[in-house]
């Protein structure tokens, strides 16, 4: 086969792999920012869940749960 054909195939594969990696990193960064700005669990949800389990949540317990949940979003920041 011609060297130009092989070169074109190699360039196409490298470009595809680079695009996949770059797209993944951009999407991950966007989702982490979105989840930080719009957390899926709020303090009211935590209070409701604890009440449904038969516990009367104190403010300290609610804040501890929220801190542990928010800590999951900060793993990559350190």
PDB file of N, CA and C in Angstrom:
ATOM      1  N   UNK A   1       0.826  -1.184   0.000  1.00  0.00           N
ATOM      2  CA  UNK A   1       0.000   0.000   0.000  1.00  0.00           C
ATOM      3  C   UNK A   1       0.867   1.243   0.000  1.00  0.00           C
ATOM      4  N   UNK A   2       0.240   2.294  -0.382  1.00  0.00           N
ATOM      5  CA  UNK A   2       0.939   3.566  -0.468  1.00  0.00           C
ATOM      6  C   UNK A   2       1.147   4.144   0.934  1.00  0.00           C
ATOM      7  N   UNK A   3       2.271   4.806   1.149  1.00  0.00           N
ATOM      8  CA  UNK A   3       2.599   5.382   2.452  1.00  0.00           C
ATOM      9  C   UNK A   3       1.613   6.481   2.840  1.00  0.00           C
ATOM     10  N   UNK A   4       1.072   7.197   1.847  1.00  0.00           N
ATOM     11  CA  UNK A   4       0.115   8.264   2.140  1.00  0.00           C
ATOM     12  C   UNK A   4      -1.182   7.708   2.732  1.00  0.00           C
ATOM     13  N   UNK A   5      -1.587   6.563   2.264  1.00  0.00           N
ATOM     14  CA  UNK A   5      -2.798   5.935   2.798  1.00  0.00           C
ATOM     15  C   UNK A   5      -2.595   5.546   4.261  1.00  0.00           C
ATOM     16  N   UNK A   6      -1.455   4.941   4.562  1.00  0.00           N
ATOM     17  CA  UNK A   6      -1.157   4.578   5.951  1.00  0.00           C
ATOM     18  C   UNK A   6      -1.069   5.822   6.830  1.00  0.00           C
ATOM     19  N   UNK A   7      -0.441   6.849   6.322  1.00  0.00           N
ATOM     20  CA  UNK A   7      -0.312   8.090   7.078  1.00  0.00           C
ATOM     21  C   UNK A   7      -1.693   8.695   7.347  1.00  0.00           C
ATOM     22  N   UNK A   8      -2.572   8.666   6.371  1.00  0.00           N
ATOM     23  CA  UNK A   8      -3.922   9.199   6.540  1.00  0.00           C
ATOM     24  C   UNK A   8      -4.694   8.384   7.582  1.00  0.00           C
ATOM     25  N   UNK A   9      -4.544   7.078   7.562  1.00  0.00           N
ATOM     26  CA  UNK A   9      -5.226   6.224   8.535  1.00  0.00           C
ATOM     27  C   UNK A   9      -4.709   6.499   9.942  1.00  0.00           C
ATOM     28  N   UNK A  10      -3.401   6.595  10.088  1.00  0.00           N
ATOM     29  CA  UNK A  10      -2.802   6.855  11.405  1.00  0.00           C
ATOM     30  C   UNK A  10      -3.247   8.210  11.937  1.00  0.00           C
ATOM     31  N   UNK A  11      -3.238   9.224  11.095  1.00  0.00           N
ATOM     32  CA  UNK A  11      -3.667  10.556  11.514  1.00  0.00           C
ATOM     33  C   UNK A  11      -5.144  10.547  11.915  1.00  0.00           C
ATOM     34  N   UNK A  12      -5.970   9.841  11.158  1.00  0.00           N
ATOM     35  CA  UNK A  12      -7.399   9.766  11.481  1.00  0.00           C
ATOM     36  C   UNK A  12      -7.619   9.080  12.830  1.00  0.00           C
ATOM     37  N   UNK A  13      -6.901   8.004  13.098  1.00  0.00           N
ATOM     38  CA  UNK A  13      -7.051   7.292  14.369  1.00  0.00           C
ATOM     39  C   UNK A  13      -6.568   8.158  15.529  1.00  0.00           C
ATOM     40  N   UNK A  14      -5.441   8.814  15.372  1.00  0.00           N
ATOM     41  CA  UNK A  14      -4.914   9.685  16.425  1.00  0.00           C
ATOM     42  C   UNK A  14      -5.873  10.840  16.695  1.00  0.00           C
ATOM     43  N   UNK A  15      -6.421  11.425  15.640  1.00  0.00           N
ATOM     44  CA  UNK A  15      -7.374  12.523  15.791  1.00  0.00           C
ATOM     45  C   UNK A  15      -8.642  12.055  16.511  1.00  0.00           C
ATOM     46  N   UNK A  16      -9.126  10.882  16.155  1.00  0.00           N
ATOM     47  CA  UNK A  16     -10.312  10.338  16.800  1.00  0.00           C
ATOM     48  C   UNK A  16     -10.063  10.094  18.290  1.00  0.00           C
ATOM     49  N   UNK A  17      -8.957   9.464  18.626  1.00  0.00           N
ATOM     50  CA  UNK A  17      -8.631   9.207  20.030  1.00  0.00           C
ATOM     51  C   UNK A  17      -8.441  10.512  20.808  1.00  0.00           C
ATOM     52  N   UNK A  18      -7.768  11.470  20.219  1.00  0.00           N
ATOM     53  CA  UNK A  18      -7.577  12.770  20.872  1.00  0.00           C
ATOM     54  C   UNK A  18      -8.902  13.475  21.114  1.00  0.00           C
ATOM     55  N   UNK A  19      -9.808  13.413  20.141  1.00  0.00           N
ATOM     56  CA  UNK A  19     -11.121  14.018  20.295  1.00  0.00           C
ATOM     57  C   UNK A  19     -11.938  13.356  21.386  1.00  0.00           C
ATOM     58  N   UNK A  20     -11.850  12.030  21.473  1.00  0.00           N
ATOM     59  CA  UNK A  20     -12.570  11.313  22.519  1.00  0.00           C
ATOM     60  C   UNK A  20     -12.058  11.694  23.909  1.00  0.00           C
ATOM     61  N   UNK A  21     -10.758  11.747  24.066  1.00  0.00           N
ATOM     62  CA  UNK A  21     -10.174  12.091  25.365  1.00  0.00           C
ATOM     63  C   UNK A  21     -10.513  13.537  25.729  1.00  0.00           C
ATOM     64  N   UNK A  22     -10.350  14.445  24.798  1.00  0.00           N
ATOM     65  CA  UNK A  22     -10.643  15.851  25.054  1.00  0.00           C
ATOM     66  C   UNK A  22     -12.128  16.053  25.359  1.00  0.00           C
ATOM     67  N   UNK A  23     -12.990  15.397  24.614  1.00  0.00           N
ATOM     68  CA  UNK A  23     -14.426  15.495  24.863  1.00  0.00           C
ATOM     69  C   UNK A  23     -14.802  14.973  26.234  1.00  0.00           C
ATOM     70  N   UNK A  24     -14.200  13.857  26.639  1.00  0.00           N
ATOM     71  CA  UNK A  24     -14.460  13.305  27.969  1.00  0.00           C
ATOM     72  C   UNK A  24     -14.040  14.283  29.057  1.00  0.00           C
ATOM     73  N   UNK A  25     -12.858  14.865  28.931  1.00  0.00           N
ATOM     74  CA  UNK A  25     -12.362  15.781  29.957  1.00  0.00           C
ATOM     75  C   UNK A  25     -13.221  17.039  30.049  1.00  0.00           C
ATOM     76  N   UNK A  26     -13.642  17.570  28.912  1.00  0.00           N
ATOM     77  CA  UNK A  26     -14.491  18.766  28.912  1.00  0.00           C
ATOM     78  C   UNK A  26     -15.850  18.444  29.520  1.00  0.00           C
ATOM     79  N   UNK A  27     -16.434  17.313  29.152  1.00  0.00           N
ATOM     80  CA  UNK A  27     -17.742  16.931  29.697  1.00  0.00           C
ATOM     81  C   UNK A  27     -17.653  16.693  31.202  1.00  0.00           C
ATOM     82  N   UNK A  28     -16.584  16.076  31.663  1.00  0.00           N
ATOM     83  CA  UNK A  28     -16.412  15.825  33.092  1.00  0.00           C
ATOM     84  C   UNK A  28     -16.305  17.134  33.860  1.00  0.00           C
ATOM     85  N   UNK A  29     -15.508  18.070  33.341  1.00  0.00           N
ATOM     86  CA  UNK A  29     -15.342  19.362  34.008  1.00  0.00           C
ATOM     87  C   UNK A  29     -16.676  20.114  34.055  1.00  0.00           C
ATOM     88  N   UNK A  30     -17.433  20.076  32.959  1.00  0.00           N
ATOM     89  CA  UNK A  30     -18.729  20.738  32.914  1.00  0.00           C
ATOM     90  C   UNK A  30     -19.693  20.133  33.934  1.00  0.00           C
ATOM     91  N   UNK A  31     -19.739  18.814  34.017  1.00  0.00           N
ATOM     92  CA  UNK A  31     -20.651  18.155  34.946  1.00  0.00           C
ATOM     93  C   UNK A  31     -20.257  18.418  36.403  1.00  0.00           C
ATOM     94  N   UNK A  32     -18.969  18.420  36.707  1.00  0.00           N
ATOM     95  CA  UNK A  32     -18.539  18.706  38.075  1.00  0.00           C
ATOM     96  C   UNK A  32     -18.944  20.125  38.480  1.00  0.00           C
ATOM     97  N   UNK A  33     -18.790  21.081  37.561  1.00  0.00           N
ATOM     98  CA  UNK A  33     -19.187  22.461  37.841  1.00  0.00           C
ATOM     99  C   UNK A  33     -20.696  22.550  38.012  1.00  0.00           C
ATOM    100  N   UNK A  34     -21.444  21.859  37.167  1.00  0.00           N
ATOM    101  CA  UNK A  34     -22.898  21.877  37.246  1.00  0.00           C
ATOM    102  C   UNK A  34     -23.379  21.295  38.576  1.00  0.00           C
ATOM    103  N   UNK A  35     -22.807  20.167  38.994  1.00  0.00           N
ATOM    104  CA  UNK A  35     -23.211  19.548  40.256  1.00  0.00           C
ATOM    105  C   UNK A  35     -22.826  20.393  41.461  1.00  0.00           C
ATOM    106  N   UNK A  36     -21.726  21.126  41.355  1.00  0.00           N
ATOM    107  CA  UNK A  36     -21.326  22.003  42.453  1.00  0.00           C
ATOM    108  C   UNK A  36     -22.297  23.178  42.561  1.00  0.00           C
ATOM    109  N   UNK A  37     -22.695  23.740  41.432  1.00  0.00           N
ATOM    110  CA  UNK A  37     -23.615  24.876  41.427  1.00  0.00           C
ATOM    111  C   UNK A  37     -25.050  24.455  41.739  1.00  0.00           C
ATOM    112  N   UNK A  38     -25.451  23.254  41.323  1.00  0.00           N
ATOM    113  CA  UNK A  38     -26.815  22.759  41.516  1.00  0.00           C
ATOM    114  C   UNK A  38     -26.776  21.389  42.169  1.00  0.00           C
ATOM    115  N   UNK A  39     -26.539  21.339  43.473  1.00  0.00           N
ATOM    116  CA  UNK A  39     -26.419  20.031  44.129  1.00  0.00           C
ATOM    117  C   UNK A  39     -27.735  19.255  44.044  1.00  0.00           C
ATOM    118  N   UNK A  40     -27.640  17.954  43.799  1.00  0.00           N
ATOM    119  CA  UNK A  40     -28.851  17.148  43.686  1.00  0.00           C
ATOM    120  C   UNK A  40     -29.536  16.905  45.031  1.00  0.00           C
ATOM    121  N   UNK A  41     -28.817  17.101  46.124  1.00  0.00           N
ATOM    122  CA  UNK A  41     -29.384  16.894  47.458  1.00  0.00           C
ATOM    123  C   UNK A  41     -29.227  18.186  48.258  1.00  0.00           C
ATOM    124  N   UNK A  42     -30.335  18.659  48.807  1.00  0.00           N
ATOM    125  CA  UNK A  42     -30.320  19.872  49.619  1.00  0.00           C
ATOM    126  C   UNK A  42     -30.527  19.509  51.084  1.00  0.00           C
ATOM    127  N   UNK A  43     -30.410  20.496  51.943  1.00  0.00           N
ATOM    128  CA  UNK A  43     -30.593  20.265  53.377  1.00  0.00           C
ATOM    129  C   UNK A  43     -32.019  19.813  53.674  1.00  0.00           C
ATOM    130  N   UNK A  44     -32.986  20.351  52.951  1.00  0.00           N
ATOM    131  CA  UNK A  44     -34.379  19.946  53.168  1.00  0.00           C
ATOM    132  C   UNK A  44     -34.587  18.468  52.836  1.00  0.00           C
ATOM    133  N   UNK A  45     -33.944  18.000  51.782  1.00  0.00           N
ATOM    134  CA  UNK A  45     -34.054  16.587  51.404  1.00  0.00           C
ATOM    135  C   UNK A  45     -33.439  15.705  52.482  1.00  0.00           C
ATOM    136  N   UNK A  46     -32.293  16.131  53.034  1.00  0.00           N
ATOM    137  CA  UNK A  46     -31.637  15.358  54.094  1.00  0.00           C
ATOM    138  C   UNK A  46     -32.534  15.297  55.326  1.00  0.00           C
ATOM    139  N   UNK A  47     -33.134  16.434  55.694  1.00  0.00           N
ATOM    140  CA  UNK A  47     -34.040  16.452  56.848  1.00  0.00           C
ATOM    141  C   UNK A  47     -35.218  15.507  56.631  1.00  0.00           C
ATOM    142  N   UNK A  48     -35.794  15.542  55.421  1.00  0.00           N
ATOM    143  CA  UNK A  48     -36.936  14.681  55.114  1.00  0.00           C
ATOM    144  C   UNK A  48     -36.549  13.211  55.189  1.00  0.00           C
ATOM    145  N   UNK A  49     -35.397  12.856  54.643  1.00  0.00           N
ATOM    146  CA  UNK A  49     -34.956  11.455  54.678  1.00  0.00           C
ATOM    147  C   UNK A  49     -34.727  10.989  56.106  1.00  0.00           C
ATOM    148  N   UNK A  50     -34.094  11.823  56.923  1.00  0.00           N
ATOM    149  CA  UNK A  50     -33.842  11.432  58.313  1.00  0.00           C
ATOM    150  C   UNK A  50     -35.157  11.299  59.078  1.00  0.00           C
ATOM    151  N   UNK A  51     -36.104  12.178  58.810  1.00  0.00           N
ATOM    152  CA  UNK A  51     -37.409  12.096  59.473  1.00  0.00           C
ATOM    153  C   UNK A  51     -38.145  10.822  59.066  1.00  0.00           C
ATOM    154  N   UNK A  52     -38.035  10.441  57.808  1.00  0.00           N
ATOM    155  CA  UNK A  52     -38.687   9.222  57.340  1.00  0.00           C
ATOM    156  C   UNK A  52     -38.078   7.977  57.973  1.00  0.00           C
ATOM    157  N   UNK A  53     -36.815   8.058  58.353  1.00  0.00           N
ATOM    158  CA  UNK A  53     -36.159   6.927  59.009  1.00  0.00           C
ATOM    159  C   UNK A  53     -36.470   6.889  60.499  1.00  0.00           C
ATOM    160  N   UNK A  54     -37.267   7.837  60.984  1.00  0.00           N
ATOM    161  CA  UNK A  54     -37.643   7.834  62.385  1.00  0.00           C
ATOM    162  C   UNK A  54     -36.697   8.608  63.277  1.00  0.00           C
ATOM    163  N   UNK A  55     -35.823   9.392  62.692  1.00  0.00           N
ATOM    164  CA  UNK A  55     -34.878  10.185  63.475  1.00  0.00           C
ATOM    165  C   UNK A  55     -35.290  11.649  63.426  1.00  0.00           C
ATOM    166  N   UNK A  56     -35.066  12.347  64.517  1.00  0.00           N
ATOM    167  CA  UNK A  56     -35.259  13.791  64.521  1.00  0.00           C
ATOM    168  C   UNK A  56     -33.885  14.413  64.285  1.00  0.00           C
ATOM    169  N   UNK A  57     -33.657  14.926  63.098  1.00  0.00           N
ATOM    170  CA  UNK A  57     -32.307  15.412  62.783  1.00  0.00           C
ATOM    171  C   UNK A  57     -32.004  16.752  63.462  1.00  0.00           C
ATOM    172  N   UNK A  58     -30.826  16.822  64.033  1.00  0.00           N
ATOM    173  CA  UNK A  58     -30.363  18.100  64.565  1.00  0.00           C
ATOM    174  C   UNK A  58     -29.660  18.851  63.424  1.00  0.00           C
ATOM    175  N   UNK A  59     -29.487  20.122  63.632  1.00  0.00           N
ATOM    176  CA  UNK A  59     -28.836  20.937  62.592  1.00  0.00           C
ATOM    177  C   UNK A  59     -27.397  20.462  62.374  1.00  0.00           C
ATOM    178  N   UNK A  60     -26.740  20.033  63.435  1.00  0.00           N
ATOM    179  CA  UNK A  60     -25.367  19.542  63.333  1.00  0.00           C
ATOM    180  C   UNK A  60     -25.298  18.292  62.449  1.00  0.00           C
ATOM    181  N   UNK A  61     -26.259  17.365  62.637  1.00  0.00           N
ATOM    182  CA  UNK A  61     -26.279  16.145  61.819  1.00  0.00           C
ATOM    183  C   UNK A  61     -26.522  16.468  60.350  1.00  0.00           C
ATOM    184  N   UNK A  62     -27.436  17.408  60.104  1.00  0.00           N
ATOM    185  CA  UNK A  62     -27.741  17.791  58.719  1.00  0.00           C
ATOM    186  C   UNK A  62     -26.504  18.398  58.072  1.00  0.00           C
ATOM    187  N   UNK A  63     -25.828  19.250  58.789  1.00  0.00           N
ATOM    188  CA  UNK A  63     -24.620  19.888  58.229  1.00  0.00           C
ATOM    189  C   UNK A  63     -23.495  18.871  57.990  1.00  0.00           C
ATOM    190  N   UNK A  64     -23.374  17.875  58.878  1.00  0.00           N
ATOM    191  CA  UNK A  64     -22.363  16.828  58.677  1.00  0.00           C
ATOM    192  C   UNK A  64     -22.649  16.032  57.409  1.00  0.00           C
ATOM    193  N   UNK A  65     -23.919  15.693  57.191  1.00  0.00           N
ATOM    194  CA  UNK A  65     -24.283  14.944  55.986  1.00  0.00           C
ATOM    195  C   UNK A  65     -24.006  15.785  54.742  1.00  0.00           C
ATOM    196  N   UNK A  66     -24.377  17.061  54.781  1.00  0.00           N
ATOM    197  CA  UNK A  66     -24.150  17.934  53.626  1.00  0.00           C
ATOM    198  C   UNK A  66     -22.649  18.110  53.367  1.00  0.00           C
ATOM    199  N   UNK A  67     -21.868  18.196  54.441  1.00  0.00           N
ATOM    200  CA  UNK A  67     -20.415  18.349  54.276  1.00  0.00           C
ATOM    201  C   UNK A  67     -19.811  17.106  53.624  1.00  0.00           C
ATOM    202  N   UNK A  68     -20.289  15.932  54.021  1.00  0.00           N
ATOM    203  CA  UNK A  68     -19.747  14.703  53.430  1.00  0.00           C
ATOM    204  C   UNK A  68     -20.179  14.566  51.970  1.00  0.00           C
ATOM    205  N   UNK A  69     -21.399  14.989  51.662  1.00  0.00           N
ATOM    206  CA  UNK A  69     -21.860  14.939  50.269  1.00  0.00           C
ATOM    207  C   UNK A  69     -21.069  15.924  49.416  1.00  0.00           C
ATOM    208  N   UNK A  70     -20.907  17.142  49.919  1.00  0.00           N
ATOM    209  CA  UNK A  70     -20.159  18.150  49.154  1.00  0.00           C
ATOM    210  C   UNK A  70     -18.691  17.797  49.043  1.00  0.00           C
ATOM    211  N   UNK A  71     -18.165  17.031  49.972  1.00  0.00           N
ATOM    212  CA  UNK A  71     -16.767  16.609  49.921  1.00  0.00           C
ATOM    213  C   UNK A  71     -16.495  15.689  48.743  1.00  0.00           C
ATOM    214  N   UNK A  72     -17.522  14.994  48.282  1.00  0.00           N
ATOM    215  CA  UNK A  72     -17.349  14.117  47.135  1.00  0.00           C
ATOM    216  C   UNK A  72     -17.050  14.914  45.876  1.00  0.00           C
ATOM    217  N   UNK A  73     -17.568  16.122  45.775  1.00  0.00           N
ATOM    218  CA  UNK A  73     -17.336  16.959  44.592  1.00  0.00           C
ATOM    219  C   UNK A  73     -15.961  17.602  44.629  1.00  0.00           C
ATOM    220  N   UNK A  74     -15.320  17.629  45.794  1.00  0.00           N
ATOM    221  CA  UNK A  74     -14.037  18.301  45.952  1.00  0.00           C
ATOM    222  C   UNK A  74     -12.844  17.359  45.822  1.00  0.00           C
ATOM    223  N   UNK A  75     -13.075  16.085  45.533  1.00  0.00           N
ATOM    224  CA  UNK A  75     -11.992  15.101  45.495  1.00  0.00           C
ATOM    225  C   UNK A  75     -10.934  15.492  44.491  1.00  0.00           C
ATOM    226  N   UNK A  76     -11.322  15.924  43.312  1.00  0.00           N
ATOM    227  CA  UNK A  76     -10.369  16.257  42.263  1.00  0.00           C
ATOM    228  C   UNK A  76      -9.695  17.588  42.453  1.00  0.00           C
ATOM    229  N   UNK A  77     -10.129  18.395  43.388  1.00  0.00           N
ATOM    230  CA  UNK A  77      -9.610  19.758  43.566  1.00  0.00           C
ATOM    231  C   UNK A  77      -8.295  19.796  44.323  1.00  0.00           C
ATOM    232  N   UNK A  78      -8.010  18.774  45.155  1.00  0.00           N
ATOM    233  CA  UNK A  78      -6.822  18.817  46.000  1.00  0.00           C
ATOM    234  C   UNK A  78      -5.614  18.599  45.227  1.00  0.00           C
TER     235      UNK A  78
END
